[in-house]
Amino acid sequence: MVGKWKGDVGKAKLGLMAAVGGAGIGLAGASWPAIPIIIATLAIFAFLRLLWFTHDLNSQILRARAEILPEVDQAIVSGRYIGPPPPA
């Protein structure tokens, strides 16, 4: 799951660079420079939102590993968890 989000962030970086490059071209002398600048600003906010979400996801996964996995190990060792039921 983390690998999927890492790939999505990589693709978002490419889109962000394209949007910022388009804004630079728009500032260089296009007839409507406001449109590329607005699109680049929206792309920056979307990229920051994606980074915030992936950081939050990674921290939740790390916390779950630290809190849940020791309890699962103890349940298996103590015999409270035997195994999944056999298929019907």
PDB file of N, CA and C in Angstrom:
ATOM      1  N   MET A   1       0.819  -1.184   0.000  1.00  0.00           N
ATOM      2  CA  MET A   1       0.000   0.000   0.000  1.00  0.00           C
ATOM      3  C   MET A   1       0.868   1.255   0.000  1.00  0.00           C
ATOM      4  N   VAL A   2       1.937   1.222   0.776  1.00  0.00           N
ATOM      5  CA  VAL A   2       2.827   2.377   0.840  1.00  0.00           C
ATOM      6  C   VAL A   2       3.516   2.573  -0.507  1.00  0.00           C
ATOM      7  N   GLY A   3       3.853   1.476  -1.166  1.00  0.00           N
ATOM      8  CA  GLY A   3       4.496   1.571  -2.480  1.00  0.00           C
ATOM      9  C   GLY A   3       3.605   2.216  -3.521  1.00  0.00           C
ATOM     10  N   LYS A   4       2.307   1.946  -3.448  1.00  0.00           N
ATOM     11  CA  LYS A   4       1.363   2.563  -4.381  1.00  0.00           C
ATOM     12  C   LYS A   4       1.345   4.076  -4.193  1.00  0.00           C
ATOM     13  N   TRP A   5       1.315   4.510  -2.941  1.00  0.00           N
ATOM     14  CA  TRP A   5       1.284   5.944  -2.684  1.00  0.00           C
ATOM     15  C   TRP A   5       2.608   6.597  -3.074  1.00  0.00           C
ATOM     16  N   LYS A   6       3.701   5.863  -2.923  1.00  0.00           N
ATOM     17  CA  LYS A   6       4.998   6.399  -3.321  1.00  0.00           C
ATOM     18  C   LYS A   6       5.035   6.627  -4.836  1.00  0.00           C
ATOM     19  N   GLY A   7       4.464   5.695  -5.595  1.00  0.00           N
ATOM     20  CA  GLY A   7       4.376   5.868  -7.046  1.00  0.00           C
ATOM     21  C   GLY A   7       3.472   7.025  -7.427  1.00  0.00           C
ATOM     22  N   ASP A   8       2.372   7.196  -6.689  1.00  0.00           N
ATOM     23  CA  ASP A   8       1.467   8.307  -6.968  1.00  0.00           C
ATOM     24  C   ASP A   8       2.138   9.651  -6.683  1.00  0.00           C
ATOM     25  N   VAL A   9       2.944   9.717  -5.637  1.00  0.00           N
ATOM     26  CA  VAL A   9       3.657  10.959  -5.328  1.00  0.00           C
ATOM     27  C   VAL A   9       4.667  11.262  -6.433  1.00  0.00           C
ATOM     28  N   GLY A  10       5.320  10.238  -6.962  1.00  0.00           N
ATOM     29  CA  GLY A  10       6.253  10.440  -8.066  1.00  0.00           C
ATOM     30  C   GLY A  10       5.567  10.996  -9.298  1.00  0.00           C
ATOM     31  N   LYS A  11       4.389  10.473  -9.605  1.00  0.00           N
ATOM     32  CA  LYS A  11       3.629  10.993 -10.746  1.00  0.00           C
ATOM     33  C   LYS A  11       3.141  12.407 -10.482  1.00  0.00           C
ATOM     34  N   ALA A  12       2.772  12.685  -9.232  1.00  0.00           N
ATOM     35  CA  ALA A  12       2.322  14.031  -8.889  1.00  0.00           C
ATOM     36  C   ALA A  12       3.466  15.040  -8.997  1.00  0.00           C
ATOM     37  N   LYS A  13       4.693  14.612  -8.692  1.00  0.00           N
ATOM     38  CA  LYS A  13       5.842  15.502  -8.845  1.00  0.00           C
ATOM     39  C   LYS A  13       6.025  15.904 -10.306  1.00  0.00           C
ATOM     40  N   LEU A  14       5.842  14.940 -11.203  1.00  0.00           N
ATOM     41  CA  LEU A  14       5.960  15.258 -12.632  1.00  0.00           C
ATOM     42  C   LEU A  14       4.881  16.241 -13.058  1.00  0.00           C
ATOM     43  N   GLY A  15       3.662  16.033 -12.579  1.00  0.00           N
ATOM     44  CA  GLY A  15       2.577  16.959 -12.906  1.00  0.00           C
ATOM     45  C   GLY A  15       2.816  18.337 -12.329  1.00  0.00           C
ATOM     46  N   LEU A  16       3.352  18.383 -11.131  1.00  0.00           N
ATOM     47  CA  LEU A  16       3.657  19.675 -10.507  1.00  0.00           C
ATOM     48  C   LEU A  16       4.723  20.416 -11.298  1.00  0.00           C
ATOM     49  N   MET A  17       5.766  19.697 -11.730  1.00  0.00           N
ATOM     50  CA  MET A  17       6.813  20.342 -12.524  1.00  0.00           C
ATOM     51  C   MET A  17       6.260  20.856 -13.851  1.00  0.00           C
ATOM     52  N   ALA A  18       5.359  20.093 -14.468  1.00  0.00           N
ATOM     53  CA  ALA A  18       4.757  20.545 -15.725  1.00  0.00           C
ATOM     54  C   ALA A  18       3.900  21.789 -15.497  1.00  0.00           C
ATOM     55  N   ALA A  19       3.153  21.818 -14.407  1.00  0.00           N
ATOM     56  CA  ALA A  19       2.304  22.976 -14.121  1.00  0.00           C
ATOM     57  C   ALA A  19       3.143  24.216 -13.831  1.00  0.00           C
ATOM     58  N   VAL A  20       4.205  24.057 -13.064  1.00  0.00           N
ATOM     59  CA  VAL A  20       5.073  25.198 -12.762  1.00  0.00           C
ATOM     60  C   VAL A  20       5.796  25.663 -14.027  1.00  0.00           C
ATOM     61  N   GLY A  21       6.200  24.720 -14.864  1.00  0.00           N
ATOM     62  CA  GLY A  21       6.810  25.092 -16.141  1.00  0.00           C
ATOM     63  C   GLY A  21       5.832  25.840 -17.039  1.00  0.00           C
ATOM     64  N   GLY A  22       4.573  25.400 -17.043  1.00  0.00           N
ATOM     65  CA  GLY A  22       3.553  26.115 -17.813  1.00  0.00           C
ATOM     66  C   GLY A  22       3.318  27.519 -17.281  1.00  0.00           C
ATOM     67  N   ALA A  23       3.358  27.659 -15.949  1.00  0.00           N
ATOM     68  CA  ALA A  23       3.212  28.998 -15.375  1.00  0.00           C
ATOM     69  C   ALA A  23       4.398  29.880 -15.750  1.00  0.00           C
ATOM     70  N   GLY A  24       5.585  29.294 -15.797  1.00  0.00           N
ATOM     71  CA  GLY A  24       6.762  30.057 -16.214  1.00  0.00           C
ATOM     72  C   GLY A  24       6.657  30.518 -17.657  1.00  0.00           C
ATOM     73  N   ILE A  25       6.156  29.642 -18.514  1.00  0.00           N
ATOM     74  CA  ILE A  25       5.949  30.035 -19.913  1.00  0.00           C
ATOM     75  C   ILE A  25       4.874  31.108 -20.005  1.00  0.00           C
ATOM     76  N   GLY A  26       3.825  30.959 -19.160  1.00  0.00           N
ATOM     77  CA  GLY A  26       2.773  31.972 -19.150  1.00  0.00           C
ATOM     78  C   GLY A  26       3.291  33.327 -18.720  1.00  0.00           C
ATOM     79  N   LEU A  27       4.189  33.353 -17.755  1.00  0.00           N
ATOM     80  CA  LEU A  27       4.766  34.612 -17.311  1.00  0.00           C
ATOM     81  C   LEU A  27       5.738  35.202 -18.332  1.00  0.00           C
ATOM     82  N   ALA A  28       6.282  34.346 -19.195  1.00  0.00           N
ATOM     83  CA  ALA A  28       7.281  34.794 -20.160  1.00  0.00           C
ATOM     84  C   ALA A  28       6.682  35.607 -21.302  1.00  0.00           C
ATOM     85  N   GLY A  29       5.374  35.619 -21.429  1.00  0.00           N
ATOM     86  CA  GLY A  29       4.836  36.470 -22.485  1.00  0.00           C
ATOM     87  C   GLY A  29       3.610  35.926 -23.173  1.00  0.00           C
ATOM     88  N   ALA A  30       2.895  35.035 -22.558  1.00  0.00           N
ATOM     89  CA  ALA A  30       1.662  34.547 -23.160  1.00  0.00           C
ATOM     90  C   ALA A  30       0.601  35.629 -23.065  1.00  0.00           C
ATOM     91  N   SER A  31      -0.462  35.485 -23.859  1.00  0.00           N
ATOM     92  CA  SER A  31      -1.494  36.509 -23.864  1.00  0.00           C
ATOM     93  C   SER A  31      -2.395  36.432 -22.636  1.00  0.00           C
ATOM     94  N   TRP A  32      -2.543  35.239 -22.034  1.00  0.00           N
ATOM     95  CA  TRP A  32      -3.360  35.069 -20.831  1.00  0.00           C
ATOM     96  C   TRP A  32      -2.508  34.429 -19.732  1.00  0.00           C
ATOM     97  N   PRO A  33      -1.654  35.181 -19.061  1.00  0.00           N
ATOM     98  CA  PRO A  33      -0.761  34.565 -18.068  1.00  0.00           C
ATOM     99  C   PRO A  33      -1.468  34.138 -16.790  1.00  0.00           C
ATOM    100  N   ALA A  34      -2.672  34.601 -16.536  1.00  0.00           N
ATOM    101  CA  ALA A  34      -3.354  34.267 -15.283  1.00  0.00           C
ATOM    102  C   ALA A  34      -3.787  32.805 -15.243  1.00  0.00           C
ATOM    103  N   ILE A  35      -4.187  32.247 -16.370  1.00  0.00           N
ATOM    104  CA  ILE A  35      -4.703  30.874 -16.393  1.00  0.00           C
ATOM    105  C   ILE A  35      -3.623  29.860 -16.006  1.00  0.00           C
ATOM    106  N   PRO A  36      -2.427  29.891 -16.610  1.00  0.00           N
ATOM    107  CA  PRO A  36      -1.400  28.928 -16.167  1.00  0.00           C
ATOM    108  C   PRO A  36      -0.975  29.125 -14.718  1.00  0.00           C
ATOM    109  N   ILE A  37      -0.995  30.362 -14.245  1.00  0.00           N
ATOM    110  CA  ILE A  37      -0.621  30.618 -12.861  1.00  0.00           C
ATOM    111  C   ILE A  37      -1.669  30.034 -11.919  1.00  0.00           C
ATOM    112  N   ILE A  38      -2.929  30.175 -12.240  1.00  0.00           N
ATOM    113  CA  ILE A  38      -3.997  29.603 -11.412  1.00  0.00           C
ATOM    114  C   ILE A  38      -3.903  28.082 -11.406  1.00  0.00           C
ATOM    115  N   ILE A  39      -3.668  27.486 -12.559  1.00  0.00           N
ATOM    116  CA  ILE A  39      -3.549  26.028 -12.647  1.00  0.00           C
ATOM    117  C   ILE A  39      -2.333  25.539 -11.853  1.00  0.00           C
ATOM    118  N   ALA A  40      -1.218  26.258 -11.938  1.00  0.00           N
ATOM    119  CA  ALA A  40      -0.021  25.878 -11.175  1.00  0.00           C
ATOM    120  C   ALA A  40      -0.272  25.992  -9.677  1.00  0.00           C
ATOM    121  N   THR A  41      -0.990  27.022  -9.258  1.00  0.00           N
ATOM    122  CA  THR A  41      -1.311  27.174  -7.840  1.00  0.00           C
ATOM    123  C   THR A  41      -2.184  26.032  -7.348  1.00  0.00           C
ATOM    124  N   LEU A  42      -3.175  25.651  -8.140  1.00  0.00           N
ATOM    125  CA  LEU A  42      -4.023  24.519  -7.766  1.00  0.00           C
ATOM    126  C   LEU A  42      -3.224  23.219  -7.726  1.00  0.00           C
ATOM    127  N   ALA A  43      -2.297  23.060  -8.655  1.00  0.00           N
ATOM    128  CA  ALA A  43      -1.458  21.859  -8.664  1.00  0.00           C
ATOM    129  C   ALA A  43      -0.558  21.811  -7.434  1.00  0.00           C
ATOM    130  N   ILE A  44      -0.045  22.961  -7.020  1.00  0.00           N
ATOM    131  CA  ILE A  44       0.790  23.001  -5.813  1.00  0.00           C
ATOM    132  C   ILE A  44      -0.028  22.597  -4.595  1.00  0.00           C
ATOM    133  N   PHE A  45      -1.243  23.150  -4.465  1.00  0.00           N
ATOM    134  CA  PHE A  45      -2.085  22.788  -3.321  1.00  0.00           C
ATOM    135  C   PHE A  45      -2.464  21.311  -3.342  1.00  0.00           C
ATOM    136  N   ALA A  46      -2.753  20.761  -4.528  1.00  0.00           N
ATOM    137  CA  ALA A  46      -3.094  19.338  -4.630  1.00  0.00           C
ATOM    138  C   ALA A  46      -1.895  18.472  -4.253  1.00  0.00           C
ATOM    139  N   PHE A  47      -0.699  18.870  -4.664  1.00  0.00           N
ATOM    140  CA  PHE A  47       0.500  18.109  -4.332  1.00  0.00           C
ATOM    141  C   PHE A  47       0.768  18.145  -2.832  1.00  0.00           C
ATOM    142  N   LEU A  48       0.603  19.309  -2.218  1.00  0.00           N
ATOM    143  CA  LEU A  48       0.803  19.407  -0.774  1.00  0.00           C
ATOM    144  C   LEU A  48      -0.222  18.572  -0.021  1.00  0.00           C
ATOM    145  N   ARG A  49      -1.450  18.530  -0.507  1.00  0.00           N
ATOM    146  CA  ARG A  49      -2.490  17.707   0.117  1.00  0.00           C
ATOM    147  C   ARG A  49      -2.123  16.223   0.021  1.00  0.00           C
ATOM    148  N   LEU A  50      -1.611  15.801  -1.127  1.00  0.00           N
ATOM    149  CA  LEU A  50      -1.194  14.414  -1.298  1.00  0.00           C
ATOM    150  C   LEU A  50      -0.026  14.074  -0.376  1.00  0.00           C
ATOM    151  N   LEU A  51       0.941  14.978  -0.256  1.00  0.00           N
ATOM    152  CA  LEU A  51       2.057  14.739   0.659  1.00  0.00           C
ATOM    153  C   LEU A  51       1.582  14.638   2.100  1.00  0.00           C
ATOM    154  N   TRP A  52       0.665  15.504   2.503  1.00  0.00           N
ATOM    155  CA  TRP A  52       0.126  15.465   3.858  1.00  0.00           C
ATOM    156  C   TRP A  52      -0.593  14.143   4.105  1.00  0.00           C
ATOM    157  N   PHE A  53      -1.392  13.688   3.124  1.00  0.00           N
ATOM    158  CA  PHE A  53      -2.125  12.438   3.269  1.00  0.00           C
ATOM    159  C   PHE A  53      -1.181  11.248   3.378  1.00  0.00           C
ATOM    160  N   THR A  54      -0.140  11.192   2.544  1.00  0.00           N
ATOM    161  CA  THR A  54       0.791  10.063   2.599  1.00  0.00           C
ATOM    162  C   THR A  54       1.584  10.071   3.903  1.00  0.00           C
ATOM    163  N   HIS A  55       1.952  11.253   4.395  1.00  0.00           N
ATOM    164  CA  HIS A  55       2.647  11.321   5.680  1.00  0.00           C
ATOM    165  C   HIS A  55       1.736  10.806   6.797  1.00  0.00           C
ATOM    166  N   ASP A  56       0.483  11.200   6.778  1.00  0.00           N
ATOM    167  CA  ASP A  56      -0.474  10.736   7.781  1.00  0.00           C
ATOM    168  C   ASP A  56      -0.675   9.220   7.681  1.00  0.00           C
ATOM    169  N   LEU A  57      -0.761   8.711   6.472  1.00  0.00           N
ATOM    170  CA  LEU A  57      -0.931   7.272   6.268  1.00  0.00           C
ATOM    171  C   LEU A  57       0.271   6.496   6.795  1.00  0.00           C
ATOM    172  N   ASN A  58       1.464   6.969   6.492  1.00  0.00           N
ATOM    173  CA  ASN A  58       2.674   6.292   6.969  1.00  0.00           C
ATOM    174  C   ASN A  58       2.762   6.298   8.490  1.00  0.00           C
ATOM    175  N   SER A  59       2.393   7.404   9.112  1.00  0.00           N
ATOM    176  CA  SER A  59       2.443   7.447  10.574  1.00  0.00           C
ATOM    177  C   SER A  59       1.403   6.520  11.193  1.00  0.00           C
ATOM    178  N   GLN A  60       0.229   6.395  10.577  1.00  0.00           N
ATOM    179  CA  GLN A  60      -0.780   5.476  11.086  1.00  0.00           C
ATOM    180  C   GLN A  60      -0.337   4.026  10.941  1.00  0.00           C
ATOM    181  N   ILE A  61       0.325   3.697   9.841  1.00  0.00           N
ATOM    182  CA  ILE A  61       0.811   2.332   9.641  1.00  0.00           C
ATOM    183  C   ILE A  61       1.884   1.996  10.669  1.00  0.00           C
ATOM    184  N   LEU A  62       2.805   2.925  10.914  1.00  0.00           N
ATOM    185  CA  LEU A  62       3.850   2.688  11.915  1.00  0.00           C
ATOM    186  C   LEU A  62       3.258   2.522  13.307  1.00  0.00           C
ATOM    187  N   ARG A  63       2.280   3.346  13.638  1.00  0.00           N
ATOM    188  CA  ARG A  63       1.645   3.237  14.956  1.00  0.00           C
ATOM    189  C   ARG A  63       0.890   1.919  15.089  1.00  0.00           C
ATOM    190  N   ALA A  64       0.225   1.489  14.024  1.00  0.00           N
ATOM    191  CA  ALA A  64      -0.499   0.214  14.063  1.00  0.00           C
ATOM    192  C   ALA A  64       0.469  -0.949  14.245  1.00  0.00           C
ATOM    193  N   ARG A  65       1.612  -0.878  13.576  1.00  0.00           N
ATOM    194  CA  ARG A  65       2.614  -1.940  13.748  1.00  0.00           C
ATOM    195  C   ARG A  65       3.115  -1.989  15.186  1.00  0.00           C
ATOM    196  N   ALA A  66       3.295  -0.826  15.774  1.00  0.00           N
ATOM    197  CA  ALA A  66       3.826  -0.786  17.144  1.00  0.00           C
ATOM    198  C   ALA A  66       2.789  -1.209  18.176  1.00  0.00           C
ATOM    199  N   GLU A  67       1.509  -0.970  17.914  1.00  0.00           N
ATOM    200  CA  GLU A  67       0.472  -1.265  18.904  1.00  0.00           C
ATOM    201  C   GLU A  67      -0.185  -2.625  18.693  1.00  0.00           C
ATOM    202  N   ILE A  68      -0.418  -3.024  17.459  1.00  0.00           N
ATOM    203  CA  ILE A  68      -1.215  -4.218  17.186  1.00  0.00           C
ATOM    204  C   ILE A  68      -0.361  -5.479  17.078  1.00  0.00           C
ATOM    205  N   LEU A  69       0.769  -5.397  16.419  1.00  0.00           N
ATOM    206  CA  LEU A  69       1.561  -6.608  16.204  1.00  0.00           C
ATOM    207  C   LEU A  69       2.034  -7.277  17.487  1.00  0.00           C
ATOM    208  N   PRO A  70       2.452  -6.544  18.516  1.00  0.00           N
ATOM    209  CA  PRO A  70       2.812  -7.248  19.761  1.00  0.00           C
ATOM    210  C   PRO A  70       1.625  -8.002  20.369  1.00  0.00           C
ATOM    211  N   GLU A  71       0.435  -7.432  20.293  1.00  0.00           N
ATOM    212  CA  GLU A  71      -0.753  -8.117  20.824  1.00  0.00           C
ATOM    213  C   GLU A  71      -1.074  -9.364  20.014  1.00  0.00           C
ATOM    214  N   VAL A  72      -0.913  -9.325  18.717  1.00  0.00           N
ATOM    215  CA  VAL A  72      -1.148 -10.501  17.879  1.00  0.00           C
ATOM    216  C   VAL A  72      -0.140 -11.590  18.215  1.00  0.00           C
ATOM    217  N   ASP A  73       1.122 -11.209  18.382  1.00  0.00           N
ATOM    218  CA  ASP A  73       2.144 -12.187  18.759  1.00  0.00           C
ATOM    219  C   ASP A  73       1.818 -12.847  20.100  1.00  0.00           C
ATOM    220  N   GLN A  74       1.390 -12.064  21.064  1.00  0.00           N
ATOM    221  CA  GLN A  74       1.026 -12.620  22.371  1.00  0.00           C
ATOM    222  C   GLN A  74      -0.180 -13.546  22.269  1.00  0.00           C
ATOM    223  N   ALA A  75      -1.147 -13.212  21.430  1.00  0.00           N
ATOM    224  CA  ALA A  75      -2.328 -14.062  21.264  1.00  0.00           C
ATOM    225  C   ALA A  75      -1.948 -15.401  20.643  1.00  0.00           C
ATOM    226  N   ILE A  76      -1.039 -15.394  19.691  1.00  0.00           N
ATOM    227  CA  ILE A  76      -0.608 -16.643  19.061  1.00  0.00           C
ATOM    228  C   ILE A  76       0.188 -17.491  20.054  1.00  0.00           C
ATOM    229  N   VAL A  77       1.090 -16.860  20.793  1.00  0.00           N
ATOM    230  CA  VAL A  77       1.924 -17.600  21.745  1.00  0.00           C
ATOM    231  C   VAL A  77       1.080 -18.178  22.877  1.00  0.00           C
ATOM    232  N   SER A  78       0.113 -17.420  23.375  1.00  0.00           N
ATOM    233  CA  SER A  78      -0.691 -17.897  24.504  1.00  0.00           C
ATOM    234  C   SER A  78      -1.770 -18.892  24.087  1.00  0.00           C
ATOM    235  N   GLY A  79      -1.984 -19.075  22.795  1.00  0.00           N
ATOM    236  CA  GLY A  79      -2.969 -20.044  22.325  1.00  0.00           C
ATOM    237  C   GLY A  79      -4.375 -19.487  22.166  1.00  0.00           C
ATOM    238  N   ARG A  80      -4.547 -18.174  22.319  1.00  0.00           N
ATOM    239  CA  ARG A  80      -5.871 -17.596  22.133  1.00  0.00           C
ATOM    240  C   ARG A  80      -6.283 -17.588  20.658  1.00  0.00           C
ATOM    241  N   TYR A  81      -5.317 -17.592  19.774  1.00  0.00           N
ATOM    242  CA  TYR A  81      -5.597 -17.606  18.343  1.00  0.00           C
ATOM    243  C   TYR A  81      -5.048 -18.901  17.782  1.00  0.00           C
ATOM    244  N   ILE A  82      -5.923 -19.741  17.272  1.00  0.00           N
ATOM    245  CA  ILE A  82      -5.513 -21.044  16.773  1.00  0.00           C
ATOM    246  C   ILE A  82      -5.275 -20.980  15.269  1.00  0.00           C
ATOM    247  N   GLY A  83      -6.178 -20.380  14.554  1.00  0.00           N
ATOM    248  CA  GLY A  83      -6.065 -20.286  13.110  1.00  0.00           C
ATOM    249  C   GLY A  83      -7.417 -19.969  12.504  1.00  0.00           C
ATOM    250  N   PRO A  84      -7.431 -19.694  11.227  1.00  0.00           N
ATOM    251  CA  PRO A  84      -8.709 -19.404  10.583  1.00  0.00           C
ATOM    252  C   PRO A  84      -9.564 -20.673  10.499  1.00  0.00           C
ATOM    253  N   PRO A  85     -10.868 -20.525  10.461  1.00  0.00           N
ATOM    254  CA  PRO A  85     -11.715 -21.706  10.348  1.00  0.00           C
ATOM    255  C   PRO A  85     -11.538 -22.381   8.989  1.00  0.00           C
ATOM    256  N   PRO A  86     -11.730 -23.683   8.918  1.00  0.00           N
ATOM    257  CA  PRO A  86     -11.572 -24.386   7.635  1.00  0.00           C
ATOM    258  C   PRO A  86     -12.659 -23.942   6.664  1.00  0.00           C
ATOM    259  N   PRO A  87     -12.369 -23.964   5.374  1.00  0.00           N
ATOM    260  CA  PRO A  87     -13.371 -23.561   4.389  1.00  0.00           C
ATOM    261  C   PRO A  87     -14.552 -24.546   4.377  1.00  0.00           C
ATOM    262  N   ALA A  88     -15.709 -24.023   4.113  1.00  0.00           N
ATOM    263  CA  ALA A  88     -16.925 -24.859   4.135  1.00  0.00           C
ATOM    264  C   ALA A  88     -17.036 -25.719   2.899  1.00  0.00           C
TER     265      ALA A  88
END
